[in-house]
Amino acid sequence: MDDQQFKKFRDLLDQSYQWPDYYEFKFILKVDERLEALNKLQGFTITETPSKKGNYISINARKLMKSTQEVLDVYQVMSTIKGIMSL
């Protein structure tokens, strides 16, 4: 995500939420990276859905967030996982 997209996303979060509020993150990743993702999402309410072939997993993670910056920090931490896609 370039700086302009990052600013646009930050502005959208600021306009759409009044913190504190619940925010749901959605990630798709290879099954091999599942435990790393779950370790980074401790304290979240997690829902997992495997792909039909079982190679990928979709993770929905919900948590009460205090600010836009806290949401952005989670995306930053999760971006360190190889091949992860954020929705």
Protein backbone atom coordinates (compact mmCIF):
# COMPACT_ATOMS: atom_id res chain seq x y z
CA MET A 1 0.00 0.00 0.00
CA ASP A 2 1.52 3.32 -1.03
CA ASP A 3 1.31 6.50 1.08
CA GLN A 4 -1.73 7.87 -0.76
CA GLN A 5 -3.69 4.61 -0.37
CA PHE A 6 -2.65 4.43 3.30
CA LYS A 7 -3.91 7.99 3.94
CA LYS A 8 -7.17 7.25 2.11
CA PHE A 9 -7.72 4.11 4.19
CA ARG A 10 -6.93 6.01 7.42
CA ASP A 11 -9.42 8.72 6.46
CA LEU A 12 -12.08 6.11 5.64
CA LEU A 13 -11.61 4.46 9.05
CA ASP A 14 -11.84 7.84 10.78
CA GLN A 15 -15.08 8.64 8.94
CA SER A 16 -16.67 5.22 9.38
CA TYR A 17 -15.96 4.46 13.04
CA GLN A 18 -16.29 6.18 16.37
CA TRP A 19 -13.67 4.63 18.62
CA PRO A 20 -13.78 2.53 20.65
CA ASP A 21 -15.64 0.14 18.35
CA TYR A 22 -15.44 -3.44 17.17
CA TYR A 23 -13.47 -4.01 13.99
CA GLU A 24 -13.32 -7.22 11.97
CA PHE A 25 -10.15 -8.09 10.11
CA LYS A 26 -10.20 -10.58 7.24
CA PHE A 27 -7.11 -12.42 6.06
CA ILE A 28 -6.40 -15.22 3.60
CA LEU A 29 -3.17 -17.15 3.90
CA LYS A 30 -1.57 -20.52 3.29
CA VAL A 31 -2.39 -23.14 5.90
CA ASP A 32 1.34 -23.40 6.72
CA GLU A 33 1.24 -19.81 8.05
CA ARG A 34 -1.88 -20.36 10.18
CA LEU A 35 -0.18 -20.70 13.57
CA GLU A 36 1.94 -17.60 13.01
CA ALA A 37 -1.21 -15.61 12.23
CA LEU A 38 -3.10 -16.95 15.23
CA ASN A 39 -0.16 -16.12 17.52
CA LYS A 40 -0.29 -12.51 16.30
CA LEU A 41 -4.07 -12.37 16.84
CA GLN A 42 -4.21 -13.40 20.48
CA GLY A 43 -7.13 -11.78 22.28
CA PHE A 44 -9.26 -11.62 19.11
CA THR A 45 -12.45 -13.59 18.47
CA ILE A 46 -11.38 -15.85 15.59
CA THR A 47 -13.37 -17.63 12.89
CA GLU A 48 -11.50 -19.87 10.45
CA THR A 49 -12.70 -21.22 7.10
CA PRO A 50 -10.48 -23.59 5.08
CA SER A 51 -10.46 -23.47 1.28
CA LYS A 52 -12.04 -26.35 -0.66
CA LYS A 53 -8.66 -27.92 -1.44
CA GLY A 54 -7.34 -27.19 2.05
CA ASN A 55 -4.30 -25.21 0.90
CA TYR A 56 -5.52 -21.85 2.21
CA ILE A 57 -7.44 -20.61 5.20
CA SER A 58 -9.58 -17.54 5.72
CA ILE A 59 -9.30 -15.96 9.15
CA ASN A 60 -11.80 -13.43 10.48
CA ALA A 61 -10.58 -11.72 13.64
CA ARG A 62 -12.82 -9.39 15.64
CA LYS A 63 -11.83 -7.19 18.56
CA LEU A 64 -12.74 -3.95 20.29
CA MET A 65 -10.28 -1.38 18.96
CA LYS A 66 -9.49 1.93 20.63
CA SER A 67 -8.41 3.97 17.61
CA THR A 68 -7.73 4.06 13.90
CA GLN A 69 -4.02 3.74 14.68
CA GLU A 70 -4.63 0.51 16.60
CA VAL A 71 -6.36 -0.96 13.52
CA LEU A 72 -3.49 0.13 11.28
CA ASP A 73 -0.98 -1.38 13.70
CA VAL A 74 -2.68 -4.79 13.43
CA TYR A 75 -2.49 -4.64 9.63
CA GLN A 76 1.20 -3.71 9.90
CA VAL A 77 1.97 -6.66 12.21
CA MET A 78 0.04 -9.09 10.01
CA SER A 79 1.78 -7.86 6.84
CA THR A 80 4.97 -9.55 8.06
CA ILE A 81 3.41 -12.99 7.37
CA LYS A 82 4.58 -14.41 4.06
CA GLY A 83 1.88 -14.37 1.36
CA ILE A 84 -0.94 -13.02 3.53
CA MET A 85 -3.81 -11.20 1.82
CA SER A 86 -5.83 -8.62 3.76
CA LEU A 87 -9.41 -7.99 2.71
